[in-house]
Amino acid sequence: MEGNAFAQFIPLILIFAIMYFLLIRPQQKKVKEHQAMVAALRRGDQIVTQGGLIGKVVKVKEDNEVEVELADGVKVRVVQSTVAQVLSKTEPAKS
């Protein structure tokens, strides 16, 4: 009886394992990569926001915000987590 009860749970365990490796794990990896990208934002980086705006980072603020220049003299504040992509990185300052 015990072997039969365990055999009934094998398909359920396999389904969970497949779901973990195909859905949950890649999503966690993508979130970690996005957090690392946002944490590495620097002044001068050219970015794309989730709204599709392309601009240049002017200032990285302390309270999870970034000041982005969209055009000459047009600056907006953007929440860091809404940065979708970094188009070009600036080189770190040589010390």
Protein backbone atom coordinates (compact mmCIF):
# COMPACT_ATOMS: atom_id res chain seq x y z
CA MET A 1 0.00 0.00 0.00
CA GLU A 2 2.77 2.49 0.84
CA GLY A 3 4.52 1.98 -2.51
CA ASN A 4 1.24 2.47 -4.34
CA ALA A 5 0.50 5.74 -2.49
CA PHE A 6 3.97 7.08 -3.33
CA ALA A 7 3.58 6.07 -6.97
CA GLN A 8 0.47 8.24 -7.18
CA PHE A 9 2.47 11.32 -6.14
CA ILE A 10 5.29 10.83 -8.67
CA PRO A 11 3.44 12.57 -11.55
CA LEU A 12 2.61 15.51 -9.27
CA ILE A 13 6.25 15.82 -8.20
CA LEU A 14 7.39 15.64 -11.83
CA ILE A 15 4.94 18.37 -12.87
CA PHE A 16 6.21 20.65 -10.09
CA ALA A 17 9.84 20.00 -11.08
CA ILE A 18 9.11 20.79 -14.73
CA MET A 19 7.24 23.98 -13.77
CA TYR A 20 10.16 25.06 -11.57
CA PHE A 21 12.83 24.58 -14.24
CA LEU A 22 10.80 25.96 -17.17
CA LEU A 23 8.95 28.88 -15.54
CA ILE A 24 10.00 29.86 -12.03
CA ARG A 25 13.80 29.61 -12.24
CA PRO A 26 14.23 31.59 -15.50
CA GLN A 27 11.92 34.32 -14.19
CA GLN A 28 13.98 34.64 -10.99
CA LYS A 29 17.16 34.86 -13.06
CA LYS A 30 15.66 37.61 -15.24
CA VAL A 31 14.61 39.61 -12.15
CA LYS A 32 18.13 39.36 -10.69
CA GLU A 33 19.67 40.54 -13.98
CA HIS A 34 17.27 43.52 -14.11
CA GLN A 35 18.09 44.47 -10.51
CA ALA A 36 21.83 44.32 -11.28
CA MET A 37 21.34 46.46 -14.40
CA VAL A 38 19.37 49.08 -12.45
CA ALA A 39 21.91 49.09 -9.61
CA ALA A 40 24.72 49.73 -12.13
CA LEU A 41 23.11 52.84 -13.68
CA ARG A 42 25.53 55.74 -13.93
CA ARG A 43 25.49 59.32 -15.07
CA GLY A 44 25.79 59.44 -18.87
CA ASP A 45 24.18 56.06 -19.60
CA GLN A 46 21.67 56.09 -22.44
CA ILE A 47 18.53 54.21 -21.39
CA VAL A 48 15.08 53.13 -22.57
CA THR A 49 12.19 53.28 -20.08
CA GLN A 50 9.31 50.82 -20.03
CA GLY A 51 7.19 53.57 -21.56
CA GLY A 52 9.50 53.65 -24.58
CA LEU A 53 11.24 56.95 -23.80
CA ILE A 54 14.92 57.14 -24.74
CA GLY A 55 17.12 59.45 -22.72
CA LYS A 56 20.42 60.05 -21.02
CA VAL A 57 20.91 59.66 -17.26
CA VAL A 58 21.80 63.04 -15.77
CA LYS A 59 21.67 62.15 -12.09
CA VAL A 60 21.13 58.99 -10.02
CA LYS A 61 19.23 60.01 -6.91
CA GLU A 62 19.20 58.30 -3.52
CA ASP A 63 15.47 57.61 -3.26
CA ASN A 64 15.28 55.06 -6.08
CA GLU A 65 14.94 57.72 -8.79
CA VAL A 66 16.92 58.68 -11.86
CA GLU A 67 16.88 62.06 -13.57
CA VAL A 68 16.80 61.53 -17.34
CA GLU A 69 17.34 64.12 -20.07
CA LEU A 70 15.03 63.34 -22.99
CA ALA A 71 16.00 66.36 -25.14
CA ASP A 72 18.04 69.51 -24.64
CA GLY A 73 16.70 71.10 -21.47
CA VAL A 74 13.94 68.51 -20.97
CA LYS A 75 14.62 66.52 -17.80
CA VAL A 76 12.25 64.07 -16.11
CA ARG A 77 12.47 62.00 -12.95
CA VAL A 78 11.99 58.28 -13.48
CA VAL A 79 11.73 55.45 -10.97
CA GLN A 80 14.79 53.23 -11.40
CA SER A 81 12.82 50.01 -11.71
CA THR A 82 11.05 51.34 -14.83
CA VAL A 83 14.31 51.35 -16.79
CA ALA A 84 13.86 48.60 -19.36
CA GLN A 85 17.21 48.65 -21.14
CA VAL A 86 20.60 50.35 -21.10
CA LEU A 87 21.57 51.23 -24.66
CA SER A 88 25.08 52.50 -24.00
CA LYS A 89 27.16 52.48 -20.84
CA THR A 90 29.63 55.16 -19.84
CA GLU A 91 33.15 54.13 -18.96
CA PRO A 92 33.95 54.23 -15.23
CA ALA A 93 36.24 57.06 -14.18
CA LYS A 94 39.92 56.10 -14.05
CA SER A 95 41.44 56.45 -10.60
